[in-house]
Amino acid sequence: MARRVGGARLLSSLLLFALLAAEVAPLSWDLPEPRNQAGKIRVHPRGNLWATGHFMGKKSLEPPSPSPLGTAPHTSLRDQRLQLSHDLLRILLLKKALGMSLSHPAPHI
């Protein structure tokens, strides 16, 4: 009789081991974390931002590169007035060519 109990115990432990090894009955404990532990977790969706503004407002040590159009970056007041007068003349000529009144603003569509 003792032999039958020992054999049954061995057979059941082998069966349990086979089931666990085959992951048919996985042994896992899903224990939820306590609320105080879950509340301390901080999520940074944009990554680490500790040095984001470190170089803001810093001056460059290199001389400024020439502008892409080859013009001087600083234009004189006279040149600005000349450019504005050309732009105004062009706008007035375009309005006249389109038959728009110069005294009334264009209607918004």
Protein backbone atom coordinates (compact mmCIF):
# COMPACT_ATOMS: atom_id res chain seq x y z
CA MET A 1 0.00 0.00 0.00
CA ALA A 2 2.85 2.34 0.82
CA ARG A 3 4.27 1.57 -2.56
CA ARG A 4 1.05 2.64 -4.30
CA VAL A 5 0.95 5.93 -2.40
CA GLY A 6 4.59 6.62 -3.23
CA GLY A 7 4.02 5.75 -6.89
CA ALA A 8 0.93 7.95 -7.08
CA ARG A 9 2.82 10.81 -5.44
CA LEU A 10 5.70 10.38 -7.89
CA LEU A 11 3.32 10.20 -10.83
CA SER A 12 1.43 13.32 -9.76
CA SER A 13 4.62 15.29 -9.17
CA LEU A 14 5.94 14.24 -12.60
CA LEU A 15 2.64 15.28 -14.19
CA LEU A 16 2.74 18.63 -12.41
CA PHE A 17 6.34 19.15 -13.51
CA ALA A 18 5.43 18.30 -17.12
CA LEU A 19 2.52 20.74 -17.09
CA LEU A 20 4.67 23.52 -15.68
CA ALA A 21 7.46 22.81 -18.14
CA ALA A 22 5.02 22.85 -21.06
CA GLU A 23 3.50 26.10 -19.79
CA VAL A 24 0.03 24.62 -19.89
CA ALA A 25 -0.55 25.78 -16.35
CA PRO A 26 1.89 28.63 -15.80
CA LEU A 27 2.65 29.44 -12.23
CA SER A 28 2.64 33.20 -11.90
CA TRP A 29 1.50 35.64 -9.31
CA ASP A 30 0.00 38.90 -10.51
CA LEU A 31 0.07 40.95 -7.37
CA PRO A 32 -0.90 44.58 -7.80
CA GLU A 33 1.47 47.16 -6.37
CA PRO A 34 0.30 49.14 -3.39
CA ARG A 35 -1.18 52.53 -4.24
CA ASN A 36 1.62 54.45 -2.57
CA GLN A 37 4.23 52.69 -4.74
CA ALA A 38 2.29 53.22 -7.97
CA GLY A 39 1.82 56.92 -7.24
CA LYS A 40 5.56 57.57 -7.04
CA ILE A 41 6.26 56.48 -10.61
CA ARG A 42 6.89 59.44 -12.90
CA VAL A 43 6.57 59.18 -16.65
CA HIS A 44 8.40 61.58 -18.97
CA PRO A 45 6.87 61.03 -22.43
CA ARG A 46 9.20 63.56 -24.11
CA GLY A 47 12.37 62.16 -22.64
CA ASN A 48 14.83 63.75 -20.28
CA LEU A 49 14.56 67.55 -20.39
CA TRP A 50 17.07 68.49 -17.70
CA ALA A 51 19.37 70.55 -20.00
CA THR A 52 16.84 71.86 -22.50
CA GLY A 53 17.40 75.57 -21.95
CA HIS A 54 21.08 75.44 -21.07
CA PHE A 55 22.36 77.06 -24.29
CA MET A 56 19.45 79.45 -24.83
CA GLY A 57 20.72 82.99 -25.31
CA LYS A 58 24.37 82.01 -25.62
CA LYS A 59 26.49 84.01 -28.04
CA SER A 60 28.30 82.26 -30.83
CA LEU A 61 32.08 82.46 -30.87
CA GLU A 62 32.22 82.22 -34.67
CA PRO A 63 31.72 85.28 -36.90
CA PRO A 64 28.34 85.38 -38.63
CA SER A 65 28.25 83.75 -42.04
CA PRO A 66 27.31 85.89 -45.05
CA SER A 67 23.63 85.93 -45.96
CA PRO A 68 22.52 83.40 -48.59
CA LEU A 69 21.62 86.07 -51.17
CA GLY A 70 25.01 87.75 -50.96
CA THR A 71 23.61 91.02 -49.62
CA ALA A 72 24.82 92.71 -46.50
CA PRO A 73 22.86 91.60 -43.41
CA HIS A 74 22.46 95.20 -42.18
CA THR A 75 20.78 97.50 -44.68
CA SER A 76 20.79 101.22 -44.23
CA LEU A 77 17.69 103.26 -43.50
CA ARG A 78 17.97 104.84 -46.94
CA ASP A 79 17.96 101.42 -48.62
CA GLN A 80 14.93 100.36 -46.58
CA ARG A 81 12.99 103.48 -47.57
CA LEU A 82 13.90 102.92 -51.21
CA GLN A 83 12.70 99.31 -51.04
CA LEU A 84 9.44 100.33 -49.34
CA SER A 85 8.74 103.00 -51.95
CA HIS A 86 9.31 100.46 -54.74
CA ASP A 87 6.96 98.00 -53.02
CA LEU A 88 4.28 100.67 -52.56
CA LEU A 89 4.54 101.75 -56.20
CA ARG A 90 4.24 98.14 -57.35
CA ILE A 91 1.13 97.58 -55.18
CA LEU A 92 -0.53 100.74 -56.49
CA LEU A 93 0.19 99.80 -60.09
CA LEU A 94 -1.21 96.31 -59.54
CA LYS A 95 -4.39 97.72 -58.00
CA LYS A 96 -4.82 100.10 -60.94
CA ALA A 97 -4.23 97.29 -63.44
CA LEU A 98 -6.86 95.14 -61.72
CA GLY A 99 -9.36 98.01 -61.69
CA MET A 100 -9.52 98.30 -57.92
CA SER A 101 -10.33 101.55 -56.23
CA LEU A 102 -7.36 103.14 -54.50
CA SER A 103 -9.48 104.78 -51.78
CA HIS A 104 -11.50 101.71 -50.73
CA PRO A 105 -9.93 98.53 -49.36
CA ALA A 106 -10.40 95.31 -51.25
CA PRO A 107 -13.45 93.29 -50.14
CA HIS A 108 -12.76 90.10 -48.20
CA ILE A 109 -14.01 86.98 -49.91
